[in-house]
Amino acid sequence: MKEKEHEEQLKQFFKHQEDPLHLKKYVREHPNNKMAWYLLGREYDAQGKRGKALYCYSQAGEVYEAFENKAIPVSQESLQSLKQWEHRVMRKRWLNRLRVAALTALVLAAIAYLPPFQPSSQPISSISSLPQDVSTALVEQTKVYYVTAGKNKENVGAALQEMLIKERLNSYAILAYGKPTDDGKWISWLKPPDLLLSVEGKQDAAQQQIYYHDAESCSCQPTDSTKARAIYQSWAGQREQELVLRSAIAAYTRKNGQPPEELQALNKPYPQNVLPGITPFMQQLYDQQKELITTDSPDLQSKNQSVTSPGSAPETASIGSGGSDSTKPLSGPSGLMKPLTEPIRIVIDKTNHRLAVISGQMIVRSYPVGLGANKTPEGTFEISEKVRNPNGKSNGDFGSRGMALSDTLYAIHGTNKPSSIEKDQSLGCIRMLQEDVEELFDMVPLGTSVTIGKGLLPSEIKRGEPVFRLPLNSNEMNPGKVYKWLD
């Protein structure tokens, strides 16, 4: 369906121009579709049937509040009508339940006369990570959004409305509450979010199904979130690879003026080693979405961040405060955002001795580091060189990995003095533990922005489980050079 046709369908749907008889039949067949209940309520309102309209609005819940921008009105007269309507509905339900119970009793009685069950000698197969009705294709098409402005009915309702109207949902979508960091300034990627609702999107907007999974944010009886949780976990497992891939392509494009013609250009030998290698999933994603990835990858680092010389003040306005395009939510008061869509950047906090991998408002990783107090410069730099085993061995003064900052003598590197981590004992460089610097080396591409300052990050430490690793497809060592970083 074309974009204009989809938008026109949405407009017609939200103008409530459906046949009321069709809607009445539809909500009977789909009692959990809150949007259909809302639409039917508007039809009853237009007919002056306030009691029936109120009942429909109560079934619509947050969908009504999201589109009407107000709570459901309940007068004494309409409340009495609602009770009478509910009484008739509940009576029919109880009659149906009695019929089902009688049939169940007959079935159980018949089962009692069956021969005893003999367990199979075959072992039980392992349970798949995805439900039977969920395909990997559905996971790949799933859209995930975070609410960052607070988990309440108003924000969730506004976010839902924004998702349905401004974002085209023709597959599966999840709205989650991103957990804030300890200082409340960032969203933590590694803290599992609260799943608030899921939407089974359809080409026909009127058939979109909404399921609420969080009682606090909807003041309702939540539905089972097993399917949504399984889809989210599978989706999240691939997002870090996609983030690294898009960040690497953005960095390559910035440096060369055009995107790479093939992914192998990202893992050339030193000194053009943007990344150590490419995973099969990254290659598959590139093959399927090459045009989208190479033309639509945001390149916000170059727009709002400039490389500065040592000692200049860092540009902290955009960090964690929504001060730049890279950290603003999509729009509206709900704080709706798409996680891990902005290029990777590094932020180093001299106060807390922390180094964080950042994407937009999200902290993807946070490591402890060793610094040099006033000897460590403040400002914004970029990773101008990546080298494996800078001392020619993994246990030298600079450890197993090194990343130079803007062609200076300052670098992020490993150390053979692990006791110096979280202390000011270096001559200005940023020291990291071996397992931390090796993960960072694989995640951040050549050309990544690095901001160093004070009071920028929370003190919590967040490492990946499992550790992020890329295959080694190139020679990243430089034995012909003696590195004289300031350690």
Foldseek 3Di string as FASTA:
>chain_A
DDPVVLLVLVVCLVVLPDDLVVLVVVCVVVVQFLSSLQSNLVVCVVVVNLLSSLLSNVSNFLLNCLVVVDDRDDDPVSVVSVVVVVVVVVVVVVVVVVVVVVVVVVVVVVVVPDDDDDDDPDDDDDDDLADPVDDVVLLVVEFEKEFELDQASRLVSNLVVCCLNVNQQAAKYWYWHFPADPVSLFGAPPPDTHTAKMWGHRSNSSPIGIFGADCRHRVDDGDDCSNVVSSVVVNSVCLLLVQLLLLLQLLVCVVPVFGDPAPVQCCEEPPSNQAQAHDPVSRVVCVVQVVCSRPVQDNCCVVPFDADDFADAAPQQQFSHVRDPQAQAPDDSRSMHGPSRAHWAWEAAPALQKIFIDGHRYTHFIFFKAFAVPLATFYKWFFAGKAAPLVVDQQDQFHGIWTDTRPDLEIEGEGNCVVRTRHNDFSHHIYGHRLVVQLVRRSGTGGHMYGYDHPRDDNDGGADVVRDDHDRDYHRHDVVDRRDRRD
